[in-house]
Amino acid sequence: MVAVPENRQLATLALLFANRGARVVEVPLVDIWDAPDPAPVLAWIRRFIAEPPALLVLLTGEGLRRLLTLAATHALEKDFVTALRGVPCLCRGPKPEQVLMTLDMHAAYKATVPTTDGVITTLTAQDLREQRVGVQLYGEEPNVKLQEFLTAQGAIPDVVAPYVYANK
């Protein structure tokens, strides 16, 4: 028997185990919700459209999906995607790139390893001085390490938290 605590791709994981003969018990420990106050996220989207950043760091596919959904809810999806096409993206791992591929886009950069340290290592080669860098956060985690790195490089971090985790 296998207990699956994941929530984001629970059905996929459960099916993988079941196909290998396991008896699966789905026990999601957390849930993912939209940001409780969409106003800051919507303001970030509008800022992104009006003045696209020099670079966008995508830490999660879930975050990009939620940005796209909120943009669509406010009739901004076309403008957001158009702006997104003009901004190089750095993906922390494969999930944000999978979402980009649904838009016929690819990451300009991929983290050397799918961690904050991998993102930082990848960004080290970039001249970020006086550049606004969009950062789509992992839940509400402010990723102080990444923000401090960007600031030390002379960049202006512009962070957005499009979703939150909630305990079940």
Foldseek 3Di string as FASTA:
>chain_A
DDEDQDDPPQVVVQVVVVVVPDDYDYHHFKDKDFDPDCVLLVVLLVCCLVPNFQEEEELALVLVVLSLVVCVVVVNNVSSLVSVQVHAYEYLDVNNQVNLVVVVDGHPHYFPHSDLVSVLVRCVVPQQAATEYEYEDDAPPPPVVNCVSSVVSNHHYDYDHGMHMGGD
